[in-house]
Amino acid sequence: MILDRKEKTKQVLQLHSRGRTYREIANEVHMSLRDISSTIKKSMGANEITLTDSQLAPEIKEHQQPQPPNTSKQSQALKLFSDDGNPLNVAIELDLPADEVHELYQDYLRLNSLHKLVQVYEDIDYNLYTLLDLYKIIENKTICYIKKH
């Protein structure tokens, strides 16, 4: 079934109200993450279509998760990292600049005992290409070692 723009907007807002991630919404509605973000932001600003509680189907209301008041951006980001793990989606959903998401992601990694990886990344001055080159060297040495024996 092909949905028109208003139907897609309504479905995006319903799925978002159920607590679905942007990626889950994108897969179901076949929209880009950017368009989903824009749709949700517009609805929150009441610039376009907004759904009131009376418009939501009863089964949707049951699935709505109460949001704690004044949850910090850091807490929201950590939750998104644990759900999705993708810094780009966190930046889009929380409307944060890349450098702030980068710092929050490092905090998330540290909290998840990946601090050694973060330390290596810091030691090489945040140069991802150097880290990847080192990984390739180690991988090639391992393959050569296995092939010789």
C-alpha atoms as a PDB file:
ATOM      1  CA  MET A   1       0.000   0.000   0.000  1.00  0.00           C
ATOM      2  CA  ILE A   2       1.386   3.403  -0.992  1.00  0.00           C
ATOM      3  CA  LEU A   3       0.876   6.155   1.558  1.00  0.00           C
ATOM      4  CA  ASP A   4       0.489   9.831   0.700  1.00  0.00           C
ATOM      5  CA  ARG A   5       2.496  12.474   2.572  1.00  0.00           C
ATOM      6  CA  LYS A   6      -0.114  13.117   5.273  1.00  0.00           C
ATOM      7  CA  GLU A   7      -0.542   9.398   5.926  1.00  0.00           C
ATOM      8  CA  LYS A   8       3.226   8.936   6.188  1.00  0.00           C
ATOM      9  CA  THR A   9       3.485  11.890   8.557  1.00  0.00           C
ATOM     10  CA  LYS A  10       0.730  10.448  10.740  1.00  0.00           C
ATOM     11  CA  GLN A  11       2.381   7.017  10.755  1.00  0.00           C
ATOM     12  CA  VAL A  12       5.796   8.512  11.607  1.00  0.00           C
ATOM     13  CA  LEU A  13       4.299  10.389  14.553  1.00  0.00           C
ATOM     14  CA  GLN A  14       2.414   7.324  15.761  1.00  0.00           C
ATOM     15  CA  LEU A  15       5.520   5.132  15.617  1.00  0.00           C
ATOM     16  CA  HIS A  16       7.578   7.821  17.336  1.00  0.00           C
ATOM     17  CA  SER A  17       4.973   8.071  20.100  1.00  0.00           C
ATOM     18  CA  ARG A  18       5.353   4.307  20.607  1.00  0.00           C
ATOM     19  CA  GLY A  19       9.027   4.854  21.325  1.00  0.00           C
ATOM     20  CA  ARG A  20      10.352   3.455  18.059  1.00  0.00           C
ATOM     21  CA  THR A  21      13.816   4.539  16.935  1.00  0.00           C
ATOM     22  CA  TYR A  22      14.275   6.611  13.798  1.00  0.00           C
ATOM     23  CA  ARG A  23      15.833   3.613  12.058  1.00  0.00           C
ATOM     24  CA  GLU A  24      12.832   1.404  12.889  1.00  0.00           C
ATOM     25  CA  ILE A  25      10.486   4.113  11.624  1.00  0.00           C
ATOM     26  CA  ALA A  26      12.543   4.502   8.439  1.00  0.00           C
ATOM     27  CA  ASN A  27      12.350   0.773   7.746  1.00  0.00           C
ATOM     28  CA  GLU A  28       8.594   0.668   8.226  1.00  0.00           C
ATOM     29  CA  VAL A  29       7.567   3.906   6.506  1.00  0.00           C
ATOM     30  CA  HIS A  30      10.331   3.937   3.864  1.00  0.00           C
ATOM     31  CA  MET A  31      11.539   7.453   4.590  1.00  0.00           C
ATOM     32  CA  SER A  32      15.009   8.852   5.170  1.00  0.00           C
ATOM     33  CA  LEU A  33      16.239   9.555   8.693  1.00  0.00           C
ATOM     34  CA  ARG A  34      16.497  13.244   7.766  1.00  0.00           C
ATOM     35  CA  ASP A  35      12.846  13.388   6.651  1.00  0.00           C
ATOM     36  CA  ILE A  36      11.712  11.557   9.773  1.00  0.00           C
ATOM     37  CA  SER A  37      13.657  13.944  11.982  1.00  0.00           C
ATOM     38  CA  SER A  38      12.192  16.921  10.145  1.00  0.00           C
ATOM     39  CA  THR A  39       8.661  15.542  10.421  1.00  0.00           C
ATOM     40  CA  ILE A  40       8.973  14.974  14.155  1.00  0.00           C
ATOM     41  CA  LYS A  41      10.561  18.383  14.766  1.00  0.00           C
ATOM     42  CA  LYS A  42       7.800  20.094  12.798  1.00  0.00           C
ATOM     43  CA  SER A  43       5.121  18.296  14.770  1.00  0.00           C
ATOM     44  CA  MET A  44       6.741  19.254  18.063  1.00  0.00           C
ATOM     45  CA  GLY A  45       6.843  22.875  16.946  1.00  0.00           C
ATOM     46  CA  ALA A  46       3.223  22.631  15.779  1.00  0.00           C
ATOM     47  CA  ASN A  47       4.252  23.864  12.326  1.00  0.00           C
ATOM     48  CA  GLU A  48       2.457  21.101  10.494  1.00  0.00           C
ATOM     49  CA  ILE A  49       0.388  18.097  11.490  1.00  0.00           C
ATOM     50  CA  THR A  50       0.306  17.161  15.145  1.00  0.00           C
ATOM     51  CA  LEU A  51      -1.458  14.258  16.748  1.00  0.00           C
ATOM     52  CA  THR A  52      -3.352  14.803  19.924  1.00  0.00           C
ATOM     53  CA  ASP A  53      -3.973  12.018  22.406  1.00  0.00           C
ATOM     54  CA  SER A  54      -7.535  11.753  21.161  1.00  0.00           C
ATOM     55  CA  GLN A  55      -6.275  11.041  17.622  1.00  0.00           C
ATOM     56  CA  LEU A  56      -3.959   8.261  18.714  1.00  0.00           C
ATOM     57  CA  ALA A  57      -5.403   4.788  18.531  1.00  0.00           C
ATOM     58  CA  PRO A  58      -6.003   3.156  21.943  1.00  0.00           C
ATOM     59  CA  GLU A  59      -3.379   0.499  21.251  1.00  0.00           C
ATOM     60  CA  ILE A  60      -0.795   3.230  20.670  1.00  0.00           C
ATOM     61  CA  LYS A  61      -1.577   4.916  23.971  1.00  0.00           C
ATOM     62  CA  GLU A  62      -0.902   1.624  25.743  1.00  0.00           C
ATOM     63  CA  HIS A  63       2.597   1.435  24.219  1.00  0.00           C
ATOM     64  CA  GLN A  64       3.592   4.992  25.047  1.00  0.00           C
ATOM     65  CA  GLN A  65       6.457   5.064  27.494  1.00  0.00           C
ATOM     66  CA  PRO A  66       6.391   7.832  30.065  1.00  0.00           C
ATOM     67  CA  GLN A  67       9.295  10.192  29.564  1.00  0.00           C
ATOM     68  CA  PRO A  68      11.052  11.362  32.697  1.00  0.00           C
ATOM     69  CA  PRO A  69      10.828  15.125  33.037  1.00  0.00           C
ATOM     70  CA  ASN A  70      13.888  17.114  32.025  1.00  0.00           C
ATOM     71  CA  THR A  71      16.073  14.172  30.990  1.00  0.00           C
ATOM     72  CA  SER A  72      19.491  15.584  30.123  1.00  0.00           C
ATOM     73  CA  LYS A  73      20.859  15.403  26.588  1.00  0.00           C
ATOM     74  CA  GLN A  74      23.697  13.272  27.957  1.00  0.00           C
ATOM     75  CA  SER A  75      21.286  10.712  29.402  1.00  0.00           C
ATOM     76  CA  GLN A  76      19.260  10.689  26.220  1.00  0.00           C
ATOM     77  CA  ALA A  77      22.415  10.201  24.141  1.00  0.00           C
ATOM     78  CA  LEU A  78      23.676   7.347  26.324  1.00  0.00           C
ATOM     79  CA  LYS A  79      20.299   5.632  25.985  1.00  0.00           C
ATOM     80  CA  LEU A  80      20.373   6.039  22.206  1.00  0.00           C
ATOM     81  CA  PHE A  81      23.943   4.714  22.017  1.00  0.00           C
ATOM     82  CA  SER A  82      22.890   1.631  23.980  1.00  0.00           C
ATOM     83  CA  ASP A  83      19.811   1.126  21.757  1.00  0.00           C
ATOM     84  CA  ASP A  84      21.212   1.887  18.331  1.00  0.00           C
ATOM     85  CA  GLY A  85      24.947   2.445  18.796  1.00  0.00           C
ATOM     86  CA  ASN A  86      25.159   4.855  15.884  1.00  0.00           C
ATOM     87  CA  PRO A  87      26.565   8.330  16.687  1.00  0.00           C
ATOM     88  CA  LEU A  88      25.092   9.780  13.484  1.00  0.00           C
ATOM     89  CA  ASN A  89      21.563   8.828  14.560  1.00  0.00           C
ATOM     90  CA  VAL A  90      22.196  10.331  18.003  1.00  0.00           C
ATOM     91  CA  ALA A  91      23.337  13.608  16.428  1.00  0.00           C
ATOM     92  CA  ILE A  92      20.233  13.711  14.243  1.00  0.00           C
ATOM     93  CA  GLU A  93      17.717  12.715  16.884  1.00  0.00           C
ATOM     94  CA  LEU A  94      19.035  15.038  19.600  1.00  0.00           C
ATOM     95  CA  ASP A  95      20.078  17.812  17.202  1.00  0.00           C
ATOM     96  CA  LEU A  96      23.605  17.935  18.639  1.00  0.00           C
ATOM     97  CA  PRO A  97      26.837  19.077  16.966  1.00  0.00           C
ATOM     98  CA  ALA A  98      29.314  16.397  15.927  1.00  0.00           C
ATOM     99  CA  ASP A  99      31.982  17.345  18.483  1.00  0.00           C
ATOM    100  CA  GLU A 100      29.495  17.044  21.345  1.00  0.00           C
ATOM    101  CA  VAL A 101      28.268  13.657  20.078  1.00  0.00           C
ATOM    102  CA  HIS A 102      31.905  12.570  19.780  1.00  0.00           C
ATOM    103  CA  GLU A 103      32.552  13.410  23.447  1.00  0.00           C
ATOM    104  CA  LEU A 104      29.332  11.702  24.550  1.00  0.00           C
ATOM    105  CA  TYR A 105      30.228   8.607  22.516  1.00  0.00           C
ATOM    106  CA  GLN A 106      33.627   8.427  24.197  1.00  0.00           C
ATOM    107  CA  ASP A 107      31.877   8.654  27.570  1.00  0.00           C
ATOM    108  CA  TYR A 108      29.579   5.841  26.485  1.00  0.00           C
ATOM    109  CA  LEU A 109      32.535   3.678  25.439  1.00  0.00           C
ATOM    110  CA  ARG A 110      34.314   4.350  28.717  1.00  0.00           C
ATOM    111  CA  LEU A 111      31.212   3.386  30.664  1.00  0.00           C
ATOM    112  CA  ASN A 112      31.039   0.161  28.703  1.00  0.00           C
ATOM    113  CA  SER A 113      34.618  -0.833  29.505  1.00  0.00           C
ATOM    114  CA  LEU A 114      35.914   0.078  26.085  1.00  0.00           C
ATOM    115  CA  HIS A 115      38.153   2.694  27.596  1.00  0.00           C
ATOM    116  CA  LYS A 116      41.327   1.002  26.300  1.00  0.00           C
ATOM    117  CA  LEU A 117      40.148   1.449  22.743  1.00  0.00           C
ATOM    118  CA  VAL A 118      39.299   5.071  23.470  1.00  0.00           C
ATOM    119  CA  GLN A 119      42.757   5.533  25.019  1.00  0.00           C
ATOM    120  CA  VAL A 120      44.461   4.156  21.901  1.00  0.00           C
ATOM    121  CA  TYR A 121      42.291   6.448  19.786  1.00  0.00           C
ATOM    122  CA  GLU A 122      43.305   9.438  21.918  1.00  0.00           C
ATOM    123  CA  ASP A 123      46.992   8.421  21.831  1.00  0.00           C
ATOM    124  CA  ILE A 124      47.000   8.526  18.030  1.00  0.00           C
ATOM    125  CA  ASP A 125      45.407  11.997  18.087  1.00  0.00           C
ATOM    126  CA  TYR A 126      41.966  10.777  17.009  1.00  0.00           C
ATOM    127  CA  ASN A 127      43.265   9.647  13.642  1.00  0.00           C
ATOM    128  CA  LEU A 128      40.929   6.854  12.619  1.00  0.00           C
ATOM    129  CA  TYR A 129      42.988   6.049   9.523  1.00  0.00           C
ATOM    130  CA  THR A 130      46.061   5.318  11.664  1.00  0.00           C
ATOM    131  CA  LEU A 131      44.010   3.018  13.858  1.00  0.00           C
ATOM    132  CA  LEU A 132      42.629   1.208  10.818  1.00  0.00           C
ATOM    133  CA  ASP A 133      46.122   0.893   9.317  1.00  0.00           C
ATOM    134  CA  LEU A 134      47.383  -0.650  12.554  1.00  0.00           C
ATOM    135  CA  TYR A 135      44.477  -3.070  12.527  1.00  0.00           C
ATOM    136  CA  LYS A 136      45.261  -4.091   8.933  1.00  0.00           C
ATOM    137  CA  ILE A 137      48.918  -4.668   9.804  1.00  0.00           C
ATOM    138  CA  ILE A 138      47.968  -6.868  12.738  1.00  0.00           C
ATOM    139  CA  GLU A 139      45.375  -8.702  10.682  1.00  0.00           C
ATOM    140  CA  ASN A 140      47.897  -9.354   7.864  1.00  0.00           C
ATOM    141  CA  LYS A 141      50.527 -10.572  10.320  1.00  0.00           C
ATOM    142  CA  THR A 142      48.001 -12.955  11.847  1.00  0.00           C
ATOM    143  CA  ILE A 143      46.975 -14.274   8.450  1.00  0.00           C
ATOM    144  CA  CYS A 144      50.618 -14.727   7.390  1.00  0.00           C
ATOM    145  CA  TYR A 145      51.374 -16.489  10.653  1.00  0.00           C
ATOM    146  CA  ILE A 146      48.444 -18.854  10.234  1.00  0.00           C
ATOM    147  CA  LYS A 147      49.303 -19.603   6.588  1.00  0.00           C
ATOM    148  CA  LYS A 148      52.939 -20.490   7.416  1.00  0.00           C
ATOM    149  CA  HIS A 149      52.011 -23.135   9.961  1.00  0.00           C
END
